[in-house]
All heavy atoms as atom14 arrays in JSON, in Angstrom:
{
  "sequence": "FLYQYNVTSPNIPATKTLIDSLQNPGQGGELKLAPDGKIYWAGI",
  "atom14_mask": [
    [1, 1, 1, 1, 1, 1, 1, 1, 1, 1, 1, 0, 0, 0],
    [1, 1, 1, 1, 1, 1, 1, 1, 0, 0, 0, 0, 0, 0],
    [1, 1, 1, 1, 1, 1, 1, 1, 1, 1, 1, 1, 0, 0],
    [1, 1, 1, 1, 1, 1, 1, 1, 1, 0, 0, 0, 0, 0],
    [1, 1, 1, 1, 1, 1, 1, 1, 1, 1, 1, 1, 0, 0],
    [1, 1, 1, 1, 1, 1, 1, 1, 0, 0, 0, 0, 0, 0],
    [1, 1, 1, 1, 1, 1, 1, 0, 0, 0, 0, 0, 0, 0],
    [1, 1, 1, 1, 1, 1, 1, 0, 0, 0, 0, 0, 0, 0],
    [1, 1, 1, 1, 1, 1, 0, 0, 0, 0, 0, 0, 0, 0],
    [1, 1, 1, 1, 1, 1, 1, 0, 0, 0, 0, 0, 0, 0],
    [1, 1, 1, 1, 1, 1, 1, 1, 0, 0, 0, 0, 0, 0],
    [1, 1, 1, 1, 1, 1, 1, 1, 0, 0, 0, 0, 0, 0],
    [1, 1, 1, 1, 1, 1, 1, 0, 0, 0, 0, 0, 0, 0],
    [1, 1, 1, 1, 1, 0, 0, 0, 0, 0, 0, 0, 0, 0],
    [1, 1, 1, 1, 1, 1, 1, 0, 0, 0, 0, 0, 0, 0],
    [1, 1, 1, 1, 1, 1, 1, 1, 1, 0, 0, 0, 0, 0],
    [1, 1, 1, 1, 1, 1, 1, 0, 0, 0, 0, 0, 0, 0],
    [1, 1, 1, 1, 1, 1, 1, 1, 0, 0, 0, 0, 0, 0],
    [1, 1, 1, 1, 1, 1, 1, 1, 0, 0, 0, 0, 0, 0],
    [1, 1, 1, 1, 1, 1, 1, 1, 0, 0, 0, 0, 0, 0],
    [1, 1, 1, 1, 1, 1, 0, 0, 0, 0, 0, 0, 0, 0],
    [1, 1, 1, 1, 1, 1, 1, 1, 0, 0, 0, 0, 0, 0],
    [1, 1, 1, 1, 1, 1, 1, 1, 1, 0, 0, 0, 0, 0],
    [1, 1, 1, 1, 1, 1, 1, 1, 0, 0, 0, 0, 0, 0],
    [1, 1, 1, 1, 1, 1, 1, 0, 0, 0, 0, 0, 0, 0],
    [1, 1, 1, 1, 0, 0, 0, 0, 0, 0, 0, 0, 0, 0],
    [1, 1, 1, 1, 1, 1, 1, 1, 1, 0, 0, 0, 0, 0],
    [1, 1, 1, 1, 0, 0, 0, 0, 0, 0, 0, 0, 0, 0],
    [1, 1, 1, 1, 0, 0, 0, 0, 0, 0, 0, 0, 0, 0],
    [1, 1, 1, 1, 1, 1, 1, 1, 1, 0, 0, 0, 0, 0],
    [1, 1, 1, 1, 1, 1, 1, 1, 0, 0, 0, 0, 0, 0],
    [1, 1, 1, 1, 1, 1, 1, 1, 1, 0, 0, 0, 0, 0],
    [1, 1, 1, 1, 1, 1, 1, 1, 0, 0, 0, 0, 0, 0],
    [1, 1, 1, 1, 1, 0, 0, 0, 0, 0, 0, 0, 0, 0],
    [1, 1, 1, 1, 1, 1, 1, 0, 0, 0, 0, 0, 0, 0],
    [1, 1, 1, 1, 1, 1, 1, 1, 0, 0, 0, 0, 0, 0],
    [1, 1, 1, 1, 0, 0, 0, 0, 0, 0, 0, 0, 0, 0],
    [1, 1, 1, 1, 1, 1, 1, 1, 1, 0, 0, 0, 0, 0],
    [1, 1, 1, 1, 1, 1, 1, 1, 0, 0, 0, 0, 0, 0],
    [1, 1, 1, 1, 1, 1, 1, 1, 1, 1, 1, 1, 0, 0],
    [1, 1, 1, 1, 1, 1, 1, 1, 1, 1, 1, 1, 1, 1],
    [1, 1, 1, 1, 1, 0, 0, 0, 0, 0, 0, 0, 0, 0],
    [1, 1, 1, 1, 0, 0, 0, 0, 0, 0, 0, 0, 0, 0],
    [1, 1, 1, 1, 1, 1, 1, 1, 0, 0, 0, 0, 0, 0]
  ],
  "atom14_positions": [
    [[7.01, 3.32, -9.6], [7.19, 3.09, -8.17], [7.45, 1.62, -7.9], [6.93, 0.74, -8.59], [5.95, 3.55, -7.39], [5.73, 5.04, -7.45], [4.78, 5.57, -8.3], [6.48, 5.9, -6.65], [4.57, 6.94, -8.37], [6.28, 7.26, -6.71], [5.33, 7.79, -7.57], [0.0, 0.0, 0.0], [0.0, 0.0, 0.0], [0.0, 0.0, 0.0]],
    [[8.23, 1.37, -6.84], [8.52, 0.01, -6.39], [8.03, -0.14, -4.96], [8.49, 0.57, -4.05], [10.02, -0.27, -6.46], [10.48, -1.66, -5.97], [9.9, -2.75, -6.87], [11.99, -1.75, -5.93], [0.0, 0.0, 0.0], [0.0, 0.0, 0.0], [0.0, 0.0, 0.0], [0.0, 0.0, 0.0], [0.0, 0.0, 0.0], [0.0, 0.0, 0.0]],
    [[7.08, -1.06, -4.75], [6.49, -1.29, -3.43], [6.86, -2.68, -2.93], [7.12, -3.6, -3.72], [4.96, -1.17, -3.49], [4.46, 0.21, -3.83], [4.08, 0.52, -5.14], [4.36, 1.2, -2.86], [3.61, 1.79, -5.46], [3.89, 2.47, -3.17], [3.52, 2.76, -4.48], [3.07, 4.01, -4.8], [0.0, 0.0, 0.0], [0.0, 0.0, 0.0]],
    [[6.81, -2.82, -1.62], [7.05, -4.11, -0.97], [5.89, -4.42, -0.03], [5.41, -3.54, 0.68], [8.36, -4.07, -0.19], [8.75, -5.37, 0.5], [9.85, -5.16, 1.53], [9.58, -4.77, 2.66], [11.1, -5.41, 1.13], [0.0, 0.0, 0.0], [0.0, 0.0, 0.0], [0.0, 0.0, 0.0], [0.0, 0.0, 0.0], [0.0, 0.0, 0.0]],
    [[5.44, -5.69, -0.02], [4.4, -6.17, 0.88], [4.9, -7.41, 1.62], [5.61, -8.24, 1.03], [3.13, -6.56, 0.12], [2.43, -5.45, -0.61], [2.82, -5.1, -1.9], [1.37, -4.77, -0.03], [2.17, -4.08, -2.6], [0.7, -3.76, -0.71], [1.11, -3.42, -1.99], [0.46, -2.41, -2.67], [0.0, 0.0, 0.0], [0.0, 0.0, 0.0]],
    [[4.51, -7.55, 2.87], [4.81, -8.77, 3.63], [3.61, -9.69, 3.52], [2.58, -9.48, 4.16], [5.09, -8.42, 5.1], [5.49, -9.65, 5.91], [5.31, -10.78, 5.48], [6.03, -9.41, 7.09], [0.0, 0.0, 0.0], [0.0, 0.0, 0.0], [0.0, 0.0, 0.0], [0.0, 0.0, 0.0], [0.0, 0.0, 0.0], [0.0, 0.0, 0.0]],
    [[3.73, -10.75, 2.72], [2.59, -11.62, 2.45], [2.38, -12.65, 3.56], [1.43, -13.44, 3.5], [2.73, -12.33, 1.09], [2.61, -11.32, -0.05], [4.03, -13.1, 0.99], [0.0, 0.0, 0.0], [0.0, 0.0, 0.0], [0.0, 0.0, 0.0], [0.0, 0.0, 0.0], [0.0, 0.0, 0.0], [0.0, 0.0, 0.0], [0.0, 0.0, 0.0]],
    [[3.25, -12.67, 4.57], [3.02, -13.54, 5.73], [2.21, -12.83, 6.81], [1.8, -13.47, 7.79], [4.36, -13.99, 6.34], [5.03, -12.87, 6.93], [5.25, -14.63, 5.29], [0.0, 0.0, 0.0], [0.0, 0.0, 0.0], [0.0, 0.0, 0.0], [0.0, 0.0, 0.0], [0.0, 0.0, 0.0], [0.0, 0.0, 0.0], [0.0, 0.0, 0.0]],
    [[1.96, -11.55, 6.64], [1.22, -10.77, 7.64], [-0.27, -11.07, 7.56], [-0.81, -11.29, 6.46], [1.47, -9.28, 7.43], [0.6, -8.5, 8.22], [0.0, 0.0, 0.0], [0.0, 0.0, 0.0], [0.0, 0.0, 0.0], [0.0, 0.0, 0.0], [0.0, 0.0, 0.0], [0.0, 0.0, 0.0], [0.0, 0.0, 0.0], [0.0, 0.0, 0.0]],
    [[-0.98, -11.06, 8.69], [-2.44, -11.21, 8.64], [-3.12, -10.01, 7.99], [-4.27, -10.11, 7.58], [-2.83, -11.35, 10.12], [-1.7, -10.75, 10.89], [-0.48, -11.02, 10.08], [0.0, 0.0, 0.0], [0.0, 0.0, 0.0], [0.0, 0.0, 0.0], [0.0, 0.0, 0.0], [0.0, 0.0, 0.0], [0.0, 0.0, 0.0], [0.0, 0.0, 0.0]],
    [[-2.41, -8.89, 7.9], [-2.93, -7.69, 7.26], [-1.93, -7.23, 6.21], [-1.14, -6.31, 6.43], [-3.18, -6.59, 8.29], [-3.88, -5.37, 7.68], [-4.14, -5.31, 6.48], [-4.16, -4.38, 8.51], [0.0, 0.0, 0.0], [0.0, 0.0, 0.0], [0.0, 0.0, 0.0], [0.0, 0.0, 0.0], [0.0, 0.0, 0.0], [0.0, 0.0, 0.0]],
    [[-1.93, -7.89, 5.06], [-0.94, -7.62, 4.02], [-0.99, -6.16, 3.55], [0.07, -5.52, 3.42], [-1.1, -8.59, 2.84], [-0.94, -10.03, 3.3], [-0.09, -8.28, 1.73], [-1.21, -11.06, 2.22], [0.0, 0.0, 0.0], [0.0, 0.0, 0.0], [0.0, 0.0, 0.0], [0.0, 0.0, 0.0], [0.0, 0.0, 0.0], [0.0, 0.0, 0.0]],
    [[-2.17, -5.58, 3.28], [-2.19, -4.19, 2.79], [-1.5, -3.2, 3.73], [-0.9, -2.22, 3.28], [-3.69, -3.88, 2.67], [-4.33, -5.22, 2.46], [-3.51, -6.17, 3.29], [0.0, 0.0, 0.0], [0.0, 0.0, 0.0], [0.0, 0.0, 0.0], [0.0, 0.0, 0.0], [0.0, 0.0, 0.0], [0.0, 0.0, 0.0], [0.0, 0.0, 0.0]],
    [[-1.56, -3.47, 5.04], [-0.95, -2.53, 6.0], [0.57, -2.54, 5.95], [1.21, -1.63, 6.48], [-1.42, -2.89, 7.41], [0.0, 0.0, 0.0], [0.0, 0.0, 0.0], [0.0, 0.0, 0.0], [0.0, 0.0, 0.0], [0.0, 0.0, 0.0], [0.0, 0.0, 0.0], [0.0, 0.0, 0.0], [0.0, 0.0, 0.0], [0.0, 0.0, 0.0]],
    [[1.16, -3.54, 5.29], [2.62, -3.63, 5.23], [3.2, -2.94, 4.01], [4.41, -2.98, 3.8], [3.06, -5.1, 5.24], [2.66, -5.73, 3.99], [2.45, -5.86, 6.4], [0.0, 0.0, 0.0], [0.0, 0.0, 0.0], [0.0, 0.0, 0.0], [0.0, 0.0, 0.0], [0.0, 0.0, 0.0], [0.0, 0.0, 0.0], [0.0, 0.0, 0.0]],
    [[2.36, -2.34, 3.19], [2.83, -1.7, 1.96], [3.91, -0.66, 2.26], [3.72, 0.25, 3.07], [1.65, -1.04, 1.24], [2.03, -0.35, -0.07], [0.79, 0.27, -0.72], [1.13, 0.97, -2.03], [-0.09, 1.56, -2.67], [0.0, 0.0, 0.0], [0.0, 0.0, 0.0], [0.0, 0.0, 0.0], [0.0, 0.0, 0.0], [0.0, 0.0, 0.0]],
    [[5.07, -0.81, 1.61], [6.2, 0.09, 1.83], [6.72, 0.56, 0.48], [7.0, -0.26, -0.41], [7.34, -0.65, 2.57], [6.86, -1.14, 3.82], [8.51, 0.29, 2.82], [0.0, 0.0, 0.0], [0.0, 0.0, 0.0], [0.0, 0.0, 0.0], [0.0, 0.0, 0.0], [0.0, 0.0, 0.0], [0.0, 0.0, 0.0], [0.0, 0.0, 0.0]],
    [[6.84, 1.87, 0.32], [7.43, 2.42, -0.9], [8.95, 2.3, -0.79], [9.56, 2.92, 0.08], [7.02, 3.88, -1.09], [7.68, 4.6, -2.27], [7.31, 3.94, -3.59], [7.28, 6.08, -2.27], [0.0, 0.0, 0.0], [0.0, 0.0, 0.0], [0.0, 0.0, 0.0], [0.0, 0.0, 0.0], [0.0, 0.0, 0.0], [0.0, 0.0, 0.0]],
    [[9.55, 1.51, -1.65], [11.0, 1.3, -1.62], [11.74, 2.4, -2.36], [12.69, 2.98, -1.86], [11.37, -0.08, -2.2], [10.7, -1.21, -1.39], [12.88, -0.28, -2.24], [11.1, -1.24, 0.07], [0.0, 0.0, 0.0], [0.0, 0.0, 0.0], [0.0, 0.0, 0.0], [0.0, 0.0, 0.0], [0.0, 0.0, 0.0], [0.0, 0.0, 0.0]],
    [[11.28, 2.72, -3.56], [11.94, 3.77, -4.34], [11.13, 4.01, -5.61], [10.07, 3.39, -5.82], [13.37, 3.36, -4.7], [14.31, 4.56, -4.82], [13.84, 5.64, -5.19], [15.52, 4.4, -4.53], [0.0, 0.0, 0.0], [0.0, 0.0, 0.0], [0.0, 0.0, 0.0], [0.0, 0.0, 0.0], [0.0, 0.0, 0.0], [0.0, 0.0, 0.0]],
    [[11.63, 4.9, -6.46], [10.95, 5.19, -7.72], [11.96, 5.55, -8.79], [13.1, 5.91, -8.5], [9.96, 6.35, -7.53], [10.65, 7.55, -7.2], [0.0, 0.0, 0.0], [0.0, 0.0, 0.0], [0.0, 0.0, 0.0], [0.0, 0.0, 0.0], [0.0, 0.0, 0.0], [0.0, 0.0, 0.0], [0.0, 0.0, 0.0], [0.0, 0.0, 0.0]],
    [[11.53, 5.39, -10.03], [12.29, 5.85, -11.19], [11.5, 6.98, -11.83], [10.28, 6.96, -11.85], [12.48, 4.71, -12.2], [13.07, 3.39, -11.69], [13.13, 2.38, -12.82], [14.43, 3.61, -11.07], [0.0, 0.0, 0.0], [0.0, 0.0, 0.0], [0.0, 0.0, 0.0], [0.0, 0.0, 0.0], [0.0, 0.0, 0.0], [0.0, 0.0, 0.0]],
    [[12.21, 7.94, -12.37], [11.56, 9.1, -12.96], [11.88, 9.19, -14.45], [13.01, 8.92, -14.85], [12.01, 10.38, -12.25], [11.27, 11.64, -12.71], [11.61, 12.85, -11.86], [12.42, 12.77, -10.96], [10.97, 13.98, -12.16], [0.0, 0.0, 0.0], [0.0, 0.0, 0.0], [0.0, 0.0, 0.0], [0.0, 0.0, 0.0], [0.0, 0.0, 0.0]],
    [[10.87, 9.54, -15.25], [11.1, 9.69, -16.68], [12.2, 10.72, -16.91], [12.31, 11.68, -16.17], [9.79, 10.13, -17.36], [8.91, 8.95, -17.68], [9.2, 7.84, -17.28], [7.85, 9.19, -18.41], [0.0, 0.0, 0.0], [0.0, 0.0, 0.0], [0.0, 0.0, 0.0], [0.0, 0.0, 0.0], [0.0, 0.0, 0.0], [0.0, 0.0, 0.0]],
    [[13.03, 10.46, -17.98], [12.8, 9.52, -19.1], [13.1, 8.06, -18.8], [12.97, 7.22, -19.69], [13.74, 10.05, -20.17], [14.87, 10.63, -19.4], [14.25, 11.26, -18.2], [0.0, 0.0, 0.0], [0.0, 0.0, 0.0], [0.0, 0.0, 0.0], [0.0, 0.0, 0.0], [0.0, 0.0, 0.0], [0.0, 0.0, 0.0], [0.0, 0.0, 0.0]],
    [[13.52, 7.74, -17.58], [13.67, 6.34, -17.23], [12.35, 5.78, -16.72], [11.69, 6.39, -15.89], [0.0, 0.0, 0.0], [0.0, 0.0, 0.0], [0.0, 0.0, 0.0], [0.0, 0.0, 0.0], [0.0, 0.0, 0.0], [0.0, 0.0, 0.0], [0.0, 0.0, 0.0], [0.0, 0.0, 0.0], [0.0, 0.0, 0.0], [0.0, 0.0, 0.0]],
    [[11.97, 4.61, -17.21], [10.7, 4.01, -16.83], [10.92, 2.54, -16.52], [11.67, 1.85, -17.23], [9.68, 4.16, -17.97], [8.29, 3.62, -17.66], [7.33, 3.88, -18.81], [7.51, 4.79, -19.59], [6.31, 3.06, -18.91], [0.0, 0.0, 0.0], [0.0, 0.0, 0.0], [0.0, 0.0, 0.0], [0.0, 0.0, 0.0], [0.0, 0.0, 0.0]],
    [[10.3, 2.05, -15.44], [10.5, 0.67, -15.03], [9.52, -0.29, -15.68], [8.37, 0.07, -15.94], [0.0, 0.0, 0.0], [0.0, 0.0, 0.0], [0.0, 0.0, 0.0], [0.0, 0.0, 0.0], [0.0, 0.0, 0.0], [0.0, 0.0, 0.0], [0.0, 0.0, 0.0], [0.0, 0.0, 0.0], [0.0, 0.0, 0.0], [0.0, 0.0, 0.0]],
    [[9.96, -1.52, -15.89], [9.13, -2.55, -16.49], [9.07, -3.8, -15.62], [8.68, -3.75, -14.47], [0.0, 0.0, 0.0], [0.0, 0.0, 0.0], [0.0, 0.0, 0.0], [0.0, 0.0, 0.0], [0.0, 0.0, 0.0], [0.0, 0.0, 0.0], [0.0, 0.0, 0.0], [0.0, 0.0, 0.0], [0.0, 0.0, 0.0], [0.0, 0.0, 0.0]],
    [[9.53, -4.92, -16.17], [9.37, -6.22, -15.52], [10.35, -6.42, -14.37], [11.52, -6.04, -14.45], [9.57, -7.33, -16.56], [9.15, -8.7, -16.11], [7.64, -8.87, -16.03], [6.89, -8.01, -16.54], [7.2, -9.89, -15.46], [0.0, 0.0, 0.0], [0.0, 0.0, 0.0], [0.0, 0.0, 0.0], [0.0, 0.0, 0.0], [0.0, 0.0, 0.0]],
    [[9.86, -7.07, -13.29], [10.68, -7.53, -12.18], [10.89, -9.04, -12.34], [9.98, -9.76, -12.73], [9.98, -7.29, -10.84], [9.74, -5.84, -10.4], [8.7, -5.81, -9.28], [11.04, -5.19, -9.95], [0.0, 0.0, 0.0], [0.0, 0.0, 0.0], [0.0, 0.0, 0.0], [0.0, 0.0, 0.0], [0.0, 0.0, 0.0], [0.0, 0.0, 0.0]],
    [[12.11, -9.52, -11.98], [12.34, -10.97, -12.06], [13.47, -11.37, -11.11], [14.53, -10.74, -11.1], [12.69, -11.4, -13.48], [12.77, -12.92, -13.64], [12.87, -13.32, -15.1], [12.9, -14.85, -15.26], [11.66, -15.5, -14.77], [0.0, 0.0, 0.0], [0.0, 0.0, 0.0], [0.0, 0.0, 0.0], [0.0, 0.0, 0.0], [0.0, 0.0, 0.0]],
    [[13.21, -12.44, -10.35], [14.23, -13.01, -9.48], [15.18, -13.85, -10.31], [14.76, -14.7, -11.1], [13.59, -13.87, -8.4], [14.56, -14.58, -7.44], [15.23, -13.58, -6.52], [13.82, -15.65, -6.63], [0.0, 0.0, 0.0], [0.0, 0.0, 0.0], [0.0, 0.0, 0.0], [0.0, 0.0, 0.0], [0.0, 0.0, 0.0], [0.0, 0.0, 0.0]],
    [[16.48, -13.63, -10.11], [17.51, -14.41, -10.8], [18.06, -15.49, -9.87], [17.89, -15.42, -8.65], [18.63, -13.49, -11.26], [0.0, 0.0, 0.0], [0.0, 0.0, 0.0], [0.0, 0.0, 0.0], [0.0, 0.0, 0.0], [0.0, 0.0, 0.0], [0.0, 0.0, 0.0], [0.0, 0.0, 0.0], [0.0, 0.0, 0.0], [0.0, 0.0, 0.0]],
    [[18.74, -16.49, -10.41], [19.32, -17.54, -9.57], [20.37, -17.05, -8.59], [20.74, -17.79, -7.68], [19.95, -18.49, -10.6], [19.12, -18.31, -11.83], [18.8, -16.85, -11.85], [0.0, 0.0, 0.0], [0.0, 0.0, 0.0], [0.0, 0.0, 0.0], [0.0, 0.0, 0.0], [0.0, 0.0, 0.0], [0.0, 0.0, 0.0], [0.0, 0.0, 0.0]],
    [[20.87, -15.83, -8.74], [21.82, -15.3, -7.77], [21.13, -14.72, -6.54], [21.79, -14.14, -5.65], [22.72, -14.24, -8.41], [21.97, -13.01, -8.92], [20.73, -12.96, -8.77], [22.62, -12.11, -9.48], [0.0, 0.0, 0.0], [0.0, 0.0, 0.0], [0.0, 0.0, 0.0], [0.0, 0.0, 0.0], [0.0, 0.0, 0.0], [0.0, 0.0, 0.0]],
    [[19.8, -14.87, -6.45], [19.06, -14.41, -5.28], [18.7, -12.94, -5.31], [18.12, -12.44, -4.33], [0.0, 0.0, 0.0], [0.0, 0.0, 0.0], [0.0, 0.0, 0.0], [0.0, 0.0, 0.0], [0.0, 0.0, 0.0], [0.0, 0.0, 0.0], [0.0, 0.0, 0.0], [0.0, 0.0, 0.0], [0.0, 0.0, 0.0], [0.0, 0.0, 0.0]],
    [[18.97, -12.24, -6.41], [18.64, -10.83, -6.53], [17.46, -10.65, -7.48], [17.25, -11.46, -8.38], [19.84, -10.04, -7.06], [21.08, -10.15, -6.18], [22.25, -9.41, -6.8], [23.52, -9.57, -5.95], [24.67, -8.84, -6.52], [0.0, 0.0, 0.0], [0.0, 0.0, 0.0], [0.0, 0.0, 0.0], [0.0, 0.0, 0.0], [0.0, 0.0, 0.0]],
    [[16.69, -9.59, -7.27], [15.58, -9.27, -8.17], [16.02, -8.12, -9.07], [16.49, -7.08, -8.59], [14.31, -8.88, -7.38], [13.78, -10.1, -6.61], [13.23, -8.34, -8.32], [12.57, -9.8, -5.75], [0.0, 0.0, 0.0], [0.0, 0.0, 0.0], [0.0, 0.0, 0.0], [0.0, 0.0, 0.0], [0.0, 0.0, 0.0], [0.0, 0.0, 0.0]],
    [[15.84, -8.32, -10.37], [16.25, -7.33, -11.37], [15.01, -6.64, -11.93], [13.97, -7.26, -12.12], [17.05, -8.01, -12.48], [18.41, -8.5, -11.99], [18.51, -9.69, -11.26], [19.56, -7.77, -12.23], [19.74, -10.13, -10.79], [20.8, -8.21, -11.76], [20.88, -9.39, -11.05], [22.09, -9.83, -10.57], [0.0, 0.0, 0.0], [0.0, 0.0, 0.0]],
    [[15.17, -5.34, -12.19], [14.07, -4.51, -12.68], [14.48, -3.92, -14.03], [15.41, -3.12, -14.1], [13.77, -3.41, -11.67], [12.47, -2.67, -11.9], [11.47, -2.98, -12.77], [12.03, -1.49, -11.2], [10.44, -2.08, -12.67], [10.75, -1.15, -11.7], [12.6, -0.7, -10.2], [10.04, -0.04, -11.26], [11.88, 0.42, -9.76], [10.62, 0.73, -10.27]],
    [[13.79, -4.34, -15.08], [14.09, -3.84, -16.42], [13.63, -2.4, -16.56], [12.7, -1.95, -15.89], [13.42, -4.71, -17.48], [0.0, 0.0, 0.0], [0.0, 0.0, 0.0], [0.0, 0.0, 0.0], [0.0, 0.0, 0.0], [0.0, 0.0, 0.0], [0.0, 0.0, 0.0], [0.0, 0.0, 0.0], [0.0, 0.0, 0.0], [0.0, 0.0, 0.0]],
    [[14.28, -1.67, -17.45], [13.9, -0.29, -17.68], [13.98, 0.08, -19.15], [14.58, -0.63, -19.97], [0.0, 0.0, 0.0], [0.0, 0.0, 0.0], [0.0, 0.0, 0.0], [0.0, 0.0, 0.0], [0.0, 0.0, 0.0], [0.0, 0.0, 0.0], [0.0, 0.0, 0.0], [0.0, 0.0, 0.0], [0.0, 0.0, 0.0], [0.0, 0.0, 0.0]],
    [[13.38, 1.21, -19.46], [13.36, 1.7, -20.83], [13.64, 3.2, -20.81], [13.32, 3.89, -19.82], [11.99, 1.41, -21.51], [12.05, 1.63, -23.02], [10.89, 2.25, -20.88], [10.8, 1.14, -23.75], [0.0, 0.0, 0.0], [0.0, 0.0, 0.0], [0.0, 0.0, 0.0], [0.0, 0.0, 0.0], [0.0, 0.0, 0.0], [0.0, 0.0, 0.0]]
  ]
}
């Protein structure tokens, strides 16, 4: 699962949003921001 939180909110847990999910046999691993301003999600 991929979740998003607004860390500027006074109630961060309440901002939890499910963005999407991957289903086996695809499995998600590391997230990383690249210099192009996009976040990449590795998979296996």
